[in-house]
Amino acid sequence: MKAKNKDLKSLDQFIDEKVGKKGTPEREKFDNEYDTFKLGVLIQQAREKKGLTQEQLAELAGTNKSYISKLERNLKDIRFSTLQRIISDGLGGHLDISIKMD
C-alpha cells in the first residue's frame, strides 16, 4: 500500500489558499466568475452534442455567432431571457434553476 502524499490538497483547500476562504470578496468574485465560465462550457457541450455550429445555434436562438462565441469563451454576460431562448429555441432543452443557501 502506498503512503499518502501529505502535500496533496483537495480542490477546496487549494482554492481557499490561492483565492481566499468562502465569504471573502475575492472568493465571491472567483465563485461568480467560475459559475459564468461553467455556463459557457455547458452551452458549448450541449451545442456540440446536438451537432450544431455556433452559427446554427445563433440562428435558432435569434442571436448571432459572435454572441454565442463570447458566451462559450466567458467573455460576455448573458441576459436571462437570452439564455432561455438559447436553451429552449436553440438547443431544444429546458433550463432548470435552483437556489442554494449556504
PDB file of N, CA and C in Angstrom:
ATOM      1  N   MET A   1       0.841  -1.177   0.000  1.00  0.00           N
ATOM      2  CA  MET A   1       0.000   0.000   0.000  1.00  0.00           C
ATOM      3  C   MET A   1       0.891   1.247   0.000  1.00  0.00           C
ATOM      4  N   LYS A   2       0.531   2.211  -0.853  1.00  0.00           N
ATOM      5  CA  LYS A   2       1.309   3.441  -0.942  1.00  0.00           C
ATOM      6  C   LYS A   2       0.974   4.382   0.201  1.00  0.00           C
ATOM      7  N   ALA A   3       1.969   5.109   0.657  1.00  0.00           N
ATOM      8  CA  ALA A   3       1.740   6.136   1.681  1.00  0.00           C
ATOM      9  C   ALA A   3       1.063   7.332   1.019  1.00  0.00           C
ATOM     10  N   LYS A   4       0.183   8.009   1.729  1.00  0.00           N
ATOM     11  CA  LYS A   4      -0.492   9.187   1.196  1.00  0.00           C
ATOM     12  C   LYS A   4       0.485  10.342   1.105  1.00  0.00           C
ATOM     13  N   ASN A   5       0.327  11.130   0.066  1.00  0.00           N
ATOM     14  CA  ASN A   5       1.138  12.325  -0.112  1.00  0.00           C
ATOM     15  C   ASN A   5       0.608  13.393   0.838  1.00  0.00           C
ATOM     16  N   LYS A   6       1.411  13.781   1.793  1.00  0.00           N
ATOM     17  CA  LYS A   6       0.967  14.745   2.805  1.00  0.00           C
ATOM     18  C   LYS A   6       0.776  16.156   2.235  1.00  0.00           C
ATOM     19  N   ASP A   7       1.373  16.400   1.059  1.00  0.00           N
ATOM     20  CA  ASP A   7       1.234  17.709   0.438  1.00  0.00           C
ATOM     21  C   ASP A   7       0.014  17.798  -0.474  1.00  0.00           C
ATOM     22  N   LEU A   8      -0.652  16.673  -0.697  1.00  0.00           N
ATOM     23  CA  LEU A   8      -1.816  16.638  -1.566  1.00  0.00           C
ATOM     24  C   LEU A   8      -2.977  17.381  -0.911  1.00  0.00           C
ATOM     25  N   LYS A   9      -3.637  18.247  -1.706  1.00  0.00           N
ATOM     26  CA  LYS A   9      -4.745  19.061  -1.183  1.00  0.00           C
ATOM     27  C   LYS A   9      -5.983  18.825  -2.018  1.00  0.00           C
ATOM     28  N   SER A  10      -7.126  19.030  -1.399  1.00  0.00           N
ATOM     29  CA  SER A  10      -8.380  18.979  -2.152  1.00  0.00           C
ATOM     30  C   SER A  10      -8.490  20.267  -2.965  1.00  0.00           C
ATOM     31  N   LEU A  11      -9.396  20.261  -3.935  1.00  0.00           N
ATOM     32  CA  LEU A  11      -9.612  21.460  -4.736  1.00  0.00           C
ATOM     33  C   LEU A  11     -10.076  22.623  -3.855  1.00  0.00           C
ATOM     34  N   ASP A  12     -10.964  22.334  -2.909  1.00  0.00           N
ATOM     35  CA  ASP A  12     -11.431  23.394  -1.998  1.00  0.00           C
ATOM     36  C   ASP A  12     -10.291  23.982  -1.181  1.00  0.00           C
ATOM     37  N   GLN A  13      -9.409  23.129  -0.689  1.00  0.00           N
ATOM     38  CA  GLN A  13      -8.258  23.611   0.081  1.00  0.00           C
ATOM     39  C   GLN A  13      -7.358  24.486  -0.794  1.00  0.00           C
ATOM     40  N   PHE A  14      -7.133  24.035  -2.018  1.00  0.00           N
ATOM     41  CA  PHE A  14      -6.295  24.785  -2.951  1.00  0.00           C
ATOM     42  C   PHE A  14      -6.894  26.165  -3.227  1.00  0.00           C
ATOM     43  N   ILE A  15      -8.199  26.204  -3.510  1.00  0.00           N
ATOM     44  CA  ILE A  15      -8.863  27.481  -3.795  1.00  0.00           C
ATOM     45  C   ILE A  15      -8.846  28.378  -2.557  1.00  0.00           C
ATOM     46  N   ASP A  16      -9.101  27.817  -1.386  1.00  0.00           N
ATOM     47  CA  ASP A  16      -9.031  28.595  -0.140  1.00  0.00           C
ATOM     48  C   ASP A  16      -7.671  29.267  -0.007  1.00  0.00           C
ATOM     49  N   GLU A  17      -6.622  28.515  -0.311  1.00  0.00           N
ATOM     50  CA  GLU A  17      -5.251  29.014  -0.172  1.00  0.00           C
ATOM     51  C   GLU A  17      -4.912  30.073  -1.211  1.00  0.00           C
ATOM     52  N   LYS A  18      -5.281  29.812  -2.451  1.00  0.00           N
ATOM     53  CA  LYS A  18      -4.880  30.694  -3.550  1.00  0.00           C
ATOM     54  C   LYS A  18      -5.789  31.894  -3.750  1.00  0.00           C
ATOM     55  N   VAL A  19      -7.091  31.736  -3.446  1.00  0.00           N
ATOM     56  CA  VAL A  19      -8.058  32.800  -3.720  1.00  0.00           C
ATOM     57  C   VAL A  19      -8.572  33.433  -2.439  1.00  0.00           C
ATOM     58  N   GLY A  20      -8.868  32.612  -1.456  1.00  0.00           N
ATOM     59  CA  GLY A  20      -9.413  33.094  -0.194  1.00  0.00           C
ATOM     60  C   GLY A  20     -10.550  32.202   0.262  1.00  0.00           C
ATOM     61  N   LYS A  21     -10.857  32.284   1.521  1.00  0.00           N
ATOM     62  CA  LYS A  21     -11.931  31.474   2.107  1.00  0.00           C
ATOM     63  C   LYS A  21     -13.289  31.965   1.618  1.00  0.00           C
ATOM     64  N   LYS A  22     -14.285  31.072   1.662  1.00  0.00           N
ATOM     65  CA  LYS A  22     -15.652  31.441   1.295  1.00  0.00           C
ATOM     66  C   LYS A  22     -16.109  32.608   2.165  1.00  0.00           C
ATOM     67  N   GLY A  23     -16.791  33.545   1.541  1.00  0.00           N
ATOM     68  CA  GLY A  23     -17.274  34.722   2.256  1.00  0.00           C
ATOM     69  C   GLY A  23     -16.407  35.949   2.050  1.00  0.00           C
ATOM     70  N   THR A  24     -15.162  35.764   1.601  1.00  0.00           N
ATOM     71  CA  THR A  24     -14.305  36.922   1.341  1.00  0.00           C
ATOM     72  C   THR A  24     -14.656  37.498  -0.030  1.00  0.00           C
ATOM     73  N   PRO A  25     -14.433  38.779  -0.229  1.00  0.00           N
ATOM     74  CA  PRO A  25     -14.752  39.380  -1.534  1.00  0.00           C
ATOM     75  C   PRO A  25     -14.024  38.705  -2.699  1.00  0.00           C
ATOM     76  N   GLU A  26     -12.783  38.320  -2.482  1.00  0.00           N
ATOM     77  CA  GLU A  26     -12.011  37.667  -3.538  1.00  0.00           C
ATOM     78  C   GLU A  26     -12.641  36.330  -3.925  1.00  0.00           C
ATOM     79  N   ARG A  27     -13.071  35.570  -2.919  1.00  0.00           N
ATOM     80  CA  ARG A  27     -13.665  34.257  -3.184  1.00  0.00           C
ATOM     81  C   ARG A  27     -15.028  34.405  -3.855  1.00  0.00           C
ATOM     82  N   GLU A  28     -15.818  35.391  -3.434  1.00  0.00           N
ATOM     83  CA  GLU A  28     -17.116  35.631  -4.055  1.00  0.00           C
ATOM     84  C   GLU A  28     -16.937  35.951  -5.541  1.00  0.00           C
ATOM     85  N   LYS A  29     -15.969  36.799  -5.857  1.00  0.00           N
ATOM     86  CA  LYS A  29     -15.686  37.153  -7.249  1.00  0.00           C
ATOM     87  C   LYS A  29     -15.263  35.906  -8.020  1.00  0.00           C
ATOM     88  N   PHE A  30     -14.386  35.112  -7.452  1.00  0.00           N
ATOM     89  CA  PHE A  30     -13.928  33.879  -8.098  1.00  0.00           C
ATOM     90  C   PHE A  30     -15.095  32.931  -8.351  1.00  0.00           C
ATOM     91  N   ASP A  31     -15.931  32.717  -7.341  1.00  0.00           N
ATOM     92  CA  ASP A  31     -17.066  31.800  -7.475  1.00  0.00           C
ATOM     93  C   ASP A  31     -18.046  32.266  -8.550  1.00  0.00           C
ATOM     94  N   ASN A  32     -18.310  33.581  -8.599  1.00  0.00           N
ATOM     95  CA  ASN A  32     -19.212  34.124  -9.617  1.00  0.00           C
ATOM     96  C   ASN A  32     -18.645  33.947 -11.021  1.00  0.00           C
ATOM     97  N   GLU A  33     -17.351  34.215 -11.169  1.00  0.00           N
ATOM     98  CA  GLU A  33     -16.714  34.056 -12.472  1.00  0.00           C
ATOM     99  C   GLU A  33     -16.674  32.585 -12.876  1.00  0.00           C
ATOM    100  N   TYR A  34     -16.485  31.694 -11.915  1.00  0.00           N
ATOM    101  CA  TYR A  34     -16.472  30.268 -12.215  1.00  0.00           C
ATOM    102  C   TYR A  34     -17.845  29.812 -12.700  1.00  0.00           C
ATOM    103  N   ASP A  35     -18.897  30.301 -12.066  1.00  0.00           N
ATOM    104  CA  ASP A  35     -20.250  29.938 -12.496  1.00  0.00           C
ATOM    105  C   ASP A  35     -20.514  30.394 -13.928  1.00  0.00           C
ATOM    106  N   THR A  36     -20.050  31.589 -14.277  1.00  0.00           N
ATOM    107  CA  THR A  36     -20.207  32.100 -15.640  1.00  0.00           C
ATOM    108  C   THR A  36     -19.423  31.237 -16.625  1.00  0.00           C
ATOM    109  N   PHE A  37     -18.195  30.880 -16.248  1.00  0.00           N
ATOM    110  CA  PHE A  37     -17.369  30.003 -17.078  1.00  0.00           C
ATOM    111  C   PHE A  37     -18.064  28.660 -17.289  1.00  0.00           C
ATOM    112  N   LYS A  38     -18.594  28.104 -16.197  1.00  0.00           N
ATOM    113  CA  LYS A  38     -19.258  26.803 -16.260  1.00  0.00           C
ATOM    114  C   LYS A  38     -20.473  26.855 -17.189  1.00  0.00           C
ATOM    115  N   LEU A  39     -21.228  27.940 -17.143  1.00  0.00           N
ATOM    116  CA  LEU A  39     -22.387  28.088 -18.025  1.00  0.00           C
ATOM    117  C   LEU A  39     -21.959  28.074 -19.489  1.00  0.00           C
ATOM    118  N   GLY A  40     -20.880  28.773 -19.805  1.00  0.00           N
ATOM    119  CA  GLY A  40     -20.369  28.778 -21.172  1.00  0.00           C
ATOM    120  C   GLY A  40     -19.971  27.389 -21.638  1.00  0.00           C
ATOM    121  N   VAL A  41     -19.321  26.637 -20.761  1.00  0.00           N
ATOM    122  CA  VAL A  41     -18.915  25.268 -21.100  1.00  0.00           C
ATOM    123  C   VAL A  41     -20.143  24.390 -21.313  1.00  0.00           C
ATOM    124  N   LEU A  42     -21.151  24.532 -20.464  1.00  0.00           N
ATOM    125  CA  LEU A  42     -22.374  23.737 -20.611  1.00  0.00           C
ATOM    126  C   LEU A  42     -23.078  24.030 -21.931  1.00  0.00           C
ATOM    127  N   ILE A  43     -23.128  25.299 -22.310  1.00  0.00           N
ATOM    128  CA  ILE A  43     -23.748  25.670 -23.585  1.00  0.00           C
ATOM    129  C   ILE A  43     -22.961  25.060 -24.740  1.00  0.00           C
ATOM    130  N   GLN A  44     -21.639  25.166 -24.680  1.00  0.00           N
ATOM    131  CA  GLN A  44     -20.805  24.609 -25.739  1.00  0.00           C
ATOM    132  C   GLN A  44     -20.978  23.088 -25.846  1.00  0.00           C
ATOM    133  N   GLN A  45     -20.972  22.400 -24.713  1.00  0.00           N
ATOM    134  CA  GLN A  45     -21.131  20.942 -24.727  1.00  0.00           C
ATOM    135  C   GLN A  45     -22.489  20.534 -25.293  1.00  0.00           C
ATOM    136  N   ALA A  46     -23.539  21.250 -24.901  1.00  0.00           N
ATOM    137  CA  ALA A  46     -24.884  20.932 -25.408  1.00  0.00           C
ATOM    138  C   ALA A  46     -24.965  21.198 -26.905  1.00  0.00           C
ATOM    139  N   ARG A  47     -24.371  22.298 -27.348  1.00  0.00           N
ATOM    140  CA  ARG A  47     -24.376  22.633 -28.782  1.00  0.00           C
ATOM    141  C   ARG A  47     -23.662  21.543 -29.583  1.00  0.00           C
ATOM    142  N   GLU A  48     -22.493  21.135 -29.100  1.00  0.00           N
ATOM    143  CA  GLU A  48     -21.729  20.107 -29.804  1.00  0.00           C
ATOM    144  C   GLU A  48     -22.460  18.759 -29.794  1.00  0.00           C
ATOM    145  N   LYS A  49     -23.111  18.440 -28.683  1.00  0.00           N
ATOM    146  CA  LYS A  49     -23.869  17.189 -28.594  1.00  0.00           C
ATOM    147  C   LYS A  49     -25.004  17.172 -29.621  1.00  0.00           C
ATOM    148  N   LYS A  50     -25.612  18.333 -29.860  1.00  0.00           N
ATOM    149  CA  LYS A  50     -26.688  18.449 -30.852  1.00  0.00           C
ATOM    150  C   LYS A  50     -26.144  18.527 -32.277  1.00  0.00           C
ATOM    151  N   GLY A  51     -24.818  18.615 -32.406  1.00  0.00           N
ATOM    152  CA  GLY A  51     -24.207  18.689 -33.734  1.00  0.00           C
ATOM    153  C   GLY A  51     -24.391  20.029 -34.414  1.00  0.00           C
ATOM    154  N   LEU A  52     -24.515  21.083 -33.619  1.00  0.00           N
ATOM    155  CA  LEU A  52     -24.741  22.425 -34.162  1.00  0.00           C
ATOM    156  C   LEU A  52     -23.453  23.235 -34.161  1.00  0.00           C
ATOM    157  N   THR A  53     -23.311  24.086 -35.156  1.00  0.00           N
ATOM    158  CA  THR A  53     -22.239  25.075 -35.138  1.00  0.00           C
ATOM    159  C   THR A  53     -22.714  26.259 -34.301  1.00  0.00           C
ATOM    160  N   GLN A  54     -21.806  27.145 -33.972  1.00  0.00           N
ATOM    161  CA  GLN A  54     -22.198  28.358 -33.253  1.00  0.00           C
ATOM    162  C   GLN A  54     -23.162  29.180 -34.097  1.00  0.00           C
ATOM    163  N   GLU A  55     -22.912  29.221 -35.373  1.00  0.00           N
ATOM    164  CA  GLU A  55     -23.779  29.987 -36.275  1.00  0.00           C
ATOM    165  C   GLU A  55     -25.191  29.397 -36.325  1.00  0.00           C
ATOM    166  N   GLN A  56     -25.298  28.084 -36.385  1.00  0.00           N
ATOM    167  CA  GLN A  56     -26.615  27.438 -36.409  1.00  0.00           C
ATOM    168  C   GLN A  56     -27.366  27.681 -35.103  1.00  0.00           C
ATOM    169  N   LEU A  57     -26.675  27.548 -33.974  1.00  0.00           N
ATOM    170  CA  LEU A  57     -27.310  27.809 -32.677  1.00  0.00           C
ATOM    171  C   LEU A  57     -27.783  29.253 -32.600  1.00  0.00           C
ATOM    172  N   ALA A  58     -26.943  30.160 -33.033  1.00  0.00           N
ATOM    173  CA  ALA A  58     -27.301  31.583 -33.002  1.00  0.00           C
ATOM    174  C   ALA A  58     -28.554  31.850 -33.829  1.00  0.00           C
ATOM    175  N   GLU A  59     -28.633  31.264 -35.003  1.00  0.00           N
ATOM    176  CA  GLU A  59     -29.800  31.465 -35.869  1.00  0.00           C
ATOM    177  C   GLU A  59     -31.065  30.930 -35.204  1.00  0.00           C
ATOM    178  N   LEU A  60     -30.981  29.742 -34.621  1.00  0.00           N
ATOM    179  CA  LEU A  60     -32.139  29.152 -33.946  1.00  0.00           C
ATOM    180  C   LEU A  60     -32.588  29.982 -32.742  1.00  0.00           C
ATOM    181  N   ALA A  61     -31.627  30.583 -32.052  1.00  0.00           N
ATOM    182  CA  ALA A  61     -31.917  31.334 -30.828  1.00  0.00           C
ATOM    183  C   ALA A  61     -32.182  32.817 -31.078  1.00  0.00           C
ATOM    184  N   GLY A  62     -32.038  33.256 -32.314  1.00  0.00           N
ATOM    185  CA  GLY A  62     -32.304  34.663 -32.630  1.00  0.00           C
ATOM    186  C   GLY A  62     -31.207  35.599 -32.172  1.00  0.00           C
ATOM    187  N   THR A  63     -29.975  35.148 -32.246  1.00  0.00           N
ATOM    188  CA  THR A  63     -28.841  35.995 -31.892  1.00  0.00           C
ATOM    189  C   THR A  63     -27.786  35.820 -32.980  1.00  0.00           C
ATOM    190  N   ASN A  64     -26.533  36.163 -32.701  1.00  0.00           N
ATOM    191  CA  ASN A  64     -25.512  35.998 -33.735  1.00  0.00           C
ATOM    192  C   ASN A  64     -24.354  35.124 -33.241  1.00  0.00           C
ATOM    193  N   LYS A  65     -23.569  34.639 -34.192  1.00  0.00           N
ATOM    194  CA  LYS A  65     -22.466  33.722 -33.898  1.00  0.00           C
ATOM    195  C   LYS A  65     -21.474  34.339 -32.914  1.00  0.00           C
ATOM    196  N   SER A  66     -21.201  35.612 -33.081  1.00  0.00           N
ATOM    197  CA  SER A  66     -20.253  36.303 -32.210  1.00  0.00           C
ATOM    198  C   SER A  66     -20.702  36.244 -30.747  1.00  0.00           C
ATOM    199  N   TYR A  67     -21.997  36.408 -30.529  1.00  0.00           N
ATOM    200  CA  TYR A  67     -22.551  36.368 -29.170  1.00  0.00           C
ATOM    201  C   TYR A  67     -22.373  34.975 -28.568  1.00  0.00           C
ATOM    202  N   ILE A  68     -22.681  33.931 -29.338  1.00  0.00           N
ATOM    203  CA  ILE A  68     -22.530  32.557 -28.858  1.00  0.00           C
ATOM    204  C   ILE A  68     -21.058  32.277 -28.551  1.00  0.00           C
ATOM    205  N   SER A  69     -20.183  32.702 -29.416  1.00  0.00           N
ATOM    206  CA  SER A  69     -18.746  32.506 -29.221  1.00  0.00           C
ATOM    207  C   SER A  69     -18.268  33.177 -27.930  1.00  0.00           C
ATOM    208  N   LYS A  70     -18.713  34.395 -27.698  1.00  0.00           N
ATOM    209  CA  LYS A  70     -18.314  35.118 -26.494  1.00  0.00           C
ATOM    210  C   LYS A  70     -18.854  34.449 -25.233  1.00  0.00           C
ATOM    211  N   LEU A  71     -20.067  33.915 -25.309  1.00  0.00           N
ATOM    212  CA  LEU A  71     -20.623  33.192 -24.161  1.00  0.00           C
ATOM    213  C   LEU A  71     -19.792  31.954 -23.847  1.00  0.00           C
ATOM    214  N   GLU A  72     -19.466  31.211 -24.881  1.00  0.00           N
ATOM    215  CA  GLU A  72     -18.716  29.975 -24.687  1.00  0.00           C
ATOM    216  C   GLU A  72     -17.294  30.238 -24.185  1.00  0.00           C
ATOM    217  N   ARG A  73     -16.767  31.421 -24.468  1.00  0.00           N
ATOM    218  CA  ARG A  73     -15.415  31.760 -24.015  1.00  0.00           C
ATOM    219  C   ARG A  73     -15.424  32.644 -22.764  1.00  0.00           C
ATOM    220  N   ASN A  74     -16.595  32.779 -22.133  1.00  0.00           N
ATOM    221  CA  ASN A  74     -16.725  33.532 -20.889  1.00  0.00           C
ATOM    222  C   ASN A  74     -16.348  35.005 -21.047  1.00  0.00           C
ATOM    223  N   LEU A  75     -16.680  35.579 -22.179  1.00  0.00           N
ATOM    224  CA  LEU A  75     -16.339  36.982 -22.416  1.00  0.00           C
ATOM    225  C   LEU A  75     -17.551  37.900 -22.392  1.00  0.00           C
ATOM    226  N   LYS A  76     -18.718  37.339 -22.140  1.00  0.00           N
ATOM    227  CA  LYS A  76     -19.948  38.130 -22.231  1.00  0.00           C
ATOM    228  C   LYS A  76     -20.920  37.721 -21.136  1.00  0.00           C
ATOM    229  N   ASP A  77     -21.513  38.696 -20.482  1.00  0.00           N
ATOM    230  CA  ASP A  77     -22.610  38.418 -19.565  1.00  0.00           C
ATOM    231  C   ASP A  77     -23.844  38.102 -20.403  1.00  0.00           C
ATOM    232  N   ILE A  78     -24.741  37.332 -19.824  1.00  0.00           N
ATOM    233  CA  ILE A  78     -25.921  36.912 -20.583  1.00  0.00           C
ATOM    234  C   ILE A  78     -27.190  37.336 -19.858  1.00  0.00           C
ATOM    235  N   ARG A  79     -28.143  37.827 -20.618  1.00  0.00           N
ATOM    236  CA  ARG A  79     -29.453  38.144 -20.058  1.00  0.00           C
ATOM    237  C   ARG A  79     -30.221  36.850 -19.882  1.00  0.00           C
ATOM    238  N   PHE A  80     -31.046  36.796 -18.865  1.00  0.00           N
ATOM    239  CA  PHE A  80     -31.804  35.589 -18.573  1.00  0.00           C
ATOM    240  C   PHE A  80     -32.707  35.212 -19.744  1.00  0.00           C
ATOM    241  N   SER A  81     -33.356  36.190 -20.336  1.00  0.00           N
ATOM    242  CA  SER A  81     -34.263  35.901 -21.456  1.00  0.00           C
ATOM    243  C   SER A  81     -33.502  35.325 -22.649  1.00  0.00           C
ATOM    244  N   THR A  82     -32.294  35.808 -22.878  1.00  0.00           N
ATOM    245  CA  THR A  82     -31.470  35.284 -23.969  1.00  0.00           C
ATOM    246  C   THR A  82     -31.025  33.865 -23.665  1.00  0.00           C
ATOM    247  N   LEU A  83     -30.649  33.617 -22.419  1.00  0.00           N
ATOM    248  CA  LEU A  83     -30.264  32.263 -22.005  1.00  0.00           C
ATOM    249  C   LEU A  83     -31.417  31.299 -22.231  1.00  0.00           C
ATOM    250  N   GLN A  84     -32.618  31.704 -21.865  1.00  0.00           N
ATOM    251  CA  GLN A  84     -33.791  30.852 -22.075  1.00  0.00           C
ATOM    252  C   GLN A  84     -33.996  30.544 -23.559  1.00  0.00           C
ATOM    253  N   ARG A  85     -33.844  31.547 -24.418  1.00  0.00           N
ATOM    254  CA  ARG A  85     -34.001  31.348 -25.860  1.00  0.00           C
ATOM    255  C   ARG A  85     -32.945  30.407 -26.411  1.00  0.00           C
ATOM    256  N   ILE A  86     -31.700  30.562 -25.965  1.00  0.00           N
ATOM    257  CA  ILE A  86     -30.624  29.699 -26.441  1.00  0.00           C
ATOM    258  C   ILE A  86     -30.911  28.250 -26.057  1.00  0.00           C
ATOM    259  N   ILE A  87     -31.345  28.057 -24.832  1.00  0.00           N
ATOM    260  CA  ILE A  87     -31.580  26.690 -24.352  1.00  0.00           C
ATOM    261  C   ILE A  87     -32.842  26.088 -24.960  1.00  0.00           C
ATOM    262  N   SER A  88     -33.939  26.832 -24.967  1.00  0.00           N
ATOM    263  CA  SER A  88     -35.191  26.246 -25.466  1.00  0.00           C
ATOM    264  C   SER A  88     -35.265  26.258 -26.991  1.00  0.00           C
ATOM    265  N   ASP A  89     -35.118  27.419 -27.612  1.00  0.00           N
ATOM    266  CA  ASP A  89     -35.261  27.517 -29.062  1.00  0.00           C
ATOM    267  C   ASP A  89     -34.041  26.956 -29.806  1.00  0.00           C
ATOM    268  N   GLY A  90     -32.856  27.253 -29.272  1.00  0.00           N
ATOM    269  CA  GLY A  90     -31.632  26.837 -29.955  1.00  0.00           C
ATOM    270  C   GLY A  90     -31.254  25.390 -29.720  1.00  0.00           C
ATOM    271  N   LEU A  91     -31.348  24.962 -28.473  1.00  0.00           N
ATOM    272  CA  LEU A  91     -30.898  23.617 -28.121  1.00  0.00           C
ATOM    273  C   LEU A  91     -32.043  22.629 -27.913  1.00  0.00           C
ATOM    274  N   GLY A  92     -33.262  23.134 -27.854  1.00  0.00           N
ATOM    275  CA  GLY A  92     -34.401  22.263 -27.612  1.00  0.00           C
ATOM    276  C   GLY A  92     -34.403  21.680 -26.212  1.00  0.00           C
ATOM    277  N   GLY A  93     -33.820  22.415 -25.289  1.00  0.00           N
ATOM    278  CA  GLY A  93     -33.713  21.939 -23.907  1.00  0.00           C
ATOM    279  C   GLY A  93     -34.594  22.718 -22.952  1.00  0.00           C
ATOM    280  N   HIS A  94     -34.410  22.447 -21.693  1.00  0.00           N
ATOM    281  CA  HIS A  94     -35.170  23.090 -20.619  1.00  0.00           C
ATOM    282  C   HIS A  94     -34.189  23.605 -19.582  1.00  0.00           C
ATOM    283  N   LEU A  95     -34.352  24.846 -19.190  1.00  0.00           N
ATOM    284  CA  LEU A  95     -33.492  25.458 -18.182  1.00  0.00           C
ATOM    285  C   LEU A  95     -34.021  25.108 -16.801  1.00  0.00           C
ATOM    286  N   ASP A  96     -33.189  24.517 -15.985  1.00  0.00           N
ATOM    287  CA  ASP A  96     -33.548  24.137 -14.621  1.00  0.00           C
ATOM    288  C   ASP A  96     -32.744  25.006 -13.672  1.00  0.00           C
ATOM    289  N   ILE A  97     -33.423  25.743 -12.805  1.00  0.00           N
ATOM    290  CA  ILE A  97     -32.754  26.688 -11.906  1.00  0.00           C
ATOM    291  C   ILE A  97     -33.022  26.304 -10.460  1.00  0.00           C
ATOM    292  N   SER A  98     -32.016  26.472  -9.639  1.00  0.00           N
ATOM    293  CA  SER A  98     -32.211  26.249  -8.205  1.00  0.00           C
ATOM    294  C   SER A  98     -31.480  27.337  -7.441  1.00  0.00           C
ATOM    295  N   ILE A  99     -31.885  27.536  -6.227  1.00  0.00           N
ATOM    296  CA  ILE A  99     -31.236  28.481  -5.327  1.00  0.00           C
ATOM    297  C   ILE A  99     -30.677  27.687  -4.160  1.00  0.00           C
ATOM    298  N   LYS A 100     -29.384  27.869  -3.907  1.00  0.00           N
ATOM    299  CA  LYS A 100     -28.736  27.178  -2.803  1.00  0.00           C
ATOM    300  C   LYS A 100     -28.349  28.209  -1.753  1.00  0.00           C
ATOM    301  N   MET A 101     -28.687  27.927  -0.549  1.00  0.00           N
ATOM    302  CA  MET A 101     -28.340  28.813   0.559  1.00  0.00           C
ATOM    303  C   MET A 101     -27.222  28.171   1.377  1.00  0.00           C
ATOM    304  N   ASP A 102     -26.223  28.961   1.687  1.00  0.00           N
ATOM    305  CA  ASP A 102     -25.108  28.427   2.498  1.00  0.00           C
ATOM    306  C   ASP A 102     -25.477  28.333   3.949  1.00  0.00           C
TER     307      ASP A 102
END
